[in-house]
Amino acid sequence: MGLNIFSLRDMGSSMDLITAKRLGQWATRLFIALFISGLSILTIYTIVQPHVVTKTFDTSSFSIYNDLQQKYGDELKCPCSVIASILDQFVKIEPISHEICSSPFASKQYRNDLIAGLMSNLSIYVSRDYRRFLSAHLQALQGLCQLSKTSVYDSINQFRTSLFVTSQLLSKINFDDQLGSLIEQTKSNAPTTFRRHLFLIRNINHGNAYMSTYGTNFEYIGAPNAPTYTYLFTRAIIYDGCSCGLYLNCTSQANFIESNSFKLTPVKGLKIGCTPSESFRASTLECFYDRSCIDLIHQYTNYTTFHNPVLNMTSRFSINTTIAELIDNLFIERWATKMNYSSYFHECSPLYCSYTYIQKKSSFIYTITVLLGLQGGLSIVLKWFCPKIVRIASKVNDCRKKRTNTIYPVNSLEMTPNVTLSTTIHNPACNLESISTPIASRTIVTTSIRFSSISTTNNTTNLNSTINTTTSTLTSTTVPCSKLNFQLTSINISDVPLYVRSFAIADFNNDRRLDIVVFSNYDESVIILRGNENETFTAENIFPKGRFEFVNIMKVGDFNNDNRADLVFTYGNLDHINILFGNGNGAFRVIDIQLETRECIPEDIAVADFNHDNYSDIVVIDNDDSKVCVLLGNANDTFSSYLMFSTGQYSWPLSVTINDFNGDGHVDIAVLNSNALNVGIFLGCGNGTFEVQKRSFTFMGFYPNHIVSGDFDGDALQDVVIAQDFTGILTLLSKYKNGFFTVMKKFIIKSDGGKRIVVGDFNCDDHLDIVTADMSYGIDVLTGYGDSHFEKQSILSDKLISYGTNIGVYDFNNDTYQDIIIANPESSSIDILLNICECCVRGIHKR
């Protein structure tokens, strides 16, 4: 077949005519095949596949819509041309009040006529005679009816003026359901505001002990033999054992009392009490349904007008329903509602309605119409696609023929001998080290033995290396050490107690071994203990006796950015901070800097770089004035002026810790406010300023005295632990979020007071442990599991601990295991507990 529907331009202008004609014929054949196949598939799909059909109807009248609605039901969709309409256009709602509110009893005229026969001075009647309450009760009835009507009509007007929004015309059933729900909501909300206002007024009157005009809740009493200028005392009146001074709703049965005989004539359903309004709330309308009761009231009030009103028994409320219950229902008997669906239809004004359905079998005309629309597009795509496919296939075929006819040199197949063998067995120990930790232990051991055999043949020294690597890989653990072990080392400094209360640990002479600086309150001297290679120390006085008085707090920092450890401490009467700059050889500059801190008397201090300038800064907490002071270090051995932040009046901060609590890379400050029983967080901004304190209340009891921080639950967020004096309780605050700790746990530790806590990792499991020191129970370690759970281990008796003992955690012998230092004020030595726990796992072995 020589049919060709493609021109030379379609096949490429660079192609010769013969090739273009040949490829054009193949492209035409491909086009015809694909066109027929595609059109067949589309035809079958169109016939088989159901399609959606939408019919549109004109809905110019409500009758047409009703006919369509009956025929198609909820499948009929009619979009509104006006989607928001005022409810008053198609909803009418009217409350029907209780008969009492429309009766003469609630009118001013009846009340005036009734009390016209009473004495104008009501005090003539006995204090509990109902004639003193009658006028107030009728006035309260009138006022409650008026207020309830006002409240109801306010709610109804708000409902009527609200918008009813619908994008589609609702069916009558849905219309009735939605409007019925809105009406019921309005009914339930109507009494809410009225009840709240009435409740507020009642409690204000009772809470302020206002005396009733009728003298029904309090009465004046005079003291015997009192001078004439004294004031009168008041006494609460008691009704049936209930005192008006304690309760606002004390009531008793209402009675008419005859003054000459004190005869009591009860009035059915009515009460007297602390105030007329409260007693009327507790009353019922029973009397107003009873002709004899009405006549009794008229008799005692000398009512002469010929009018005897009485209520009919047509209410939904029973005759013994209290006024309080009627108030809660706003005196409403029922609600008359009317919804006009046709008015809603005209407000919605749908221009058309549509009905959508699925037609499973396509008609012949529909199929032809679809195919005619698709064949044009299919033809255009295939005319563009087929020439390109044919050209690509032609080029691939030409390349395949060329590659088949290519001749390669014979020596190109030669390879260097033994290369693969050498690469395979070379240094198997190094290959073993690259295996990741999660590989199962059995697989690692098997691989090690196989490689070791090969290595022995070539070089026997590879065996030990392979075994050592395997051992390091196998010994890993996530469980805390079953038993900690420490070795006690004492550093004798003097023959008499030194009364050491503070120490500072750092490498002061740059020999890569930690040194200890202590202050002796006994002879007022500063002593440095230089660390030696054999785990011993050499003592030396670095300042003459008497230079400093009673050093209390001592910290280490680099305040001049010379990479040498400096000292900051408080001494004297705690109104100074003293800075000693280290020389790097274990000595300090004699000329020191004294920072006056009379505006911020230090209770505790901490050192950190708050503004990222590589100069150590100082934070001071003032217990007396309840504030935090920050001193920022400068480049010229000076400090900036104080930045002061309040911790809350009378909060009495006692301890401070620093860390990055919100993970923004800036150092924050956490303060233990001992009197306020909370932890205050000052979030650092990275420039030396801080946000306002955010408090996390601990509810931990009394005597909190020390705070430390760290990640104790493994969530990568910093937590805090608080110790309490005398109670033996450690409180863990964790799950920091938005400035507050959200989870609190408590641990009970035996304690007699003076508890200190520090943080370390003594079993090398990368989970923080807590060390506690107590003068009666020695030193305990809470080994952490990394999930806020701990296991207690006692590691030292109380013989080295006294009140005021200070402890710290450092590595004194450079074995990568953390040790504990103890400074006992009553001792003449410094004690160190060297960590020799065998369960530690490190890359460096113990010596």
Foldseek 3Di string as FASTA:
>chain_A
DQDFPDDCVLQPVVDDPVVSSVLRSVLVVVLVVVLVVVLVVLLVCVFFAWDKDKDKFFPQDPVVVVVVCVVFPPLKWFFFPFFKDFQLLFKDKDFAFAPVQVDPLLDPVVLCLLQVLPDPPVVVFDLQACNLLSSVLSPLSNVLLVVLVVLLVVLVVVNRRGMHGDRIQDDPVVVCVVVVVVVVVSQLCSLVVVVVVVVVVLCVCLVVVDAEPSRFFKDWDDDPPDDPPDDTDIAGDAAPNRTSNVDVQRKHFHFHADPVPRDTHTQPQFIDHNYSNNRQQNGFQLLLQDQVSQVVSCVVSVNDDPDRHHDDPPAPDDRNDGNNVCSSSSSTRDMDMGGHSSSVCVSRPGRMMMRMDIDRGDDPVVSVVVSVVVSVVSSVVSSSPSSVVSSVVVVVVVVVVVVVPDDDDPVVPDDDPPPVVCVVLPLVQVVLLPDDLVDDLVVSVVSLVVSQVSVCVPDNVSNVSSVVSSVLSPQADLDFFPDWAWDKDWAFDDPAFQLWLEKEWDQQQPPPFIKIWTARQVQGFIWIWHADQVRHTDIDTQDDTPPFHAWHYKYWFAQQLPPHIKMWTAGDPQQWIKIWHGPNRNHTDPDIDIDGRNVARALYKDWDQQQPPSGIKMWGHHQVQQKIWIWHGDNPRDTDDIDIAHPDGNQRWREKEWDQQPPPPGIKIWTQRQVQQWIWIWHGPNHRHTDHTDIEHQPPDHAWHYKYWDQQAQPPGIWMWIDGFQFQKIKIFDDDDPRYGDDIDIDHGDAHGQKDKDWDAAQASPHIKIWIAHQQAGIWIFHGSNRNHTDIDHHDGNPLEDRSKDKDWDQRNPQPGIKMWIRHSRDSIIMIIHTPRPNHRDPGDDD
